[in-house]
Amino acid sequence: MNLPPRTLLIGGVSLAQYGLTVEDAAPHPLAGVSSKMSTSPVPGLYGTKPLARRADIQEARFTVTGTLVAANHAALRTAADQVKPLLLRTFTLRWSDDETRQLMGVRCETPDAISIPPFLVQRGVACKLGFLAPDPRWHDVAETTVAFTSAAQAPPLGDAPAYPVITVTGPVVAPAITYGPFTMDFPTLTLGTGEEMVIDCWDMTITVRDAPGAHYASDASDFIVFGDDLCTDVSPSSVAISPAPALAKAVYRRAWL
């Protein structure tokens, strides 16, 4: 897919300031998301059964072709030296013409692709950068925050599931969080005034008063995913907590295919 000349923003830094523009990406990172359901045969039955309630999102690789241009050879080498360190870490990536969405946790697999031979006399050099996106969904740059209590709130979503970080602030005793047909309940938990429980539904961690707190969750609890495809029978899916604490909020980025 050919693209009009543009640049990339890596970690919020526009590569245009170093003279790098992009002409092509293959496959285009907006082409879509692939998923795979893990299955296993069951003795005595035909076919296979799923091992999880949702499919695993498959990582995506894409190549970006661009040109690095500078006023002279020395400036070109300086620009290359400035761009390379940006590519040696995990970063967010977005197109400059769509600054409201970004890919998260991207890595460059070919950071040495921008190389300037010492004998080069031109003011520009072509480069081809290979990227790996473990999660190829696009996410809003801005976070969305939804406050909820015993009155259910429907979180605004994109067209792909979103994984919230849920914070519950006491006082509250034995809270239960529901989203559509799913529940996370904490029957032995008591939070005093100002004490917090934080549930990271992407990393699947629970902290209570800044200490590990997974043991407070019941065995039947499951981490909540906003927009989970199993919630399509609930219109719209809503999140609620009972009994109501002093504050409960979910912070997340809307996701898009």
Foldseek 3Di string as FASTA:
>chain_A
DWDDWFFKQWQNRTLVVLQKIWTDKVPDLVPDWDWAFDWDCDPPDPDTDTPDPDTHTAKDKMKIKIKHFDPWLVSSVVSLVVVLVSQQAFTWMDTPVCLQKIQGRKHWPCSVQSDRDPPDTHRMDMGMIMMMGRHSWIWTPDKDKDWAAQPWDQDDAAQDKKWWKKKFAAQDAFKWKDWQPAIWTQHHDGHHHGWMWIAGLVVRFIDTSNHGDPVRTDPRHHGDIRPPVVRVVPVVITMYMPPTGPIMMIMIIHIHD
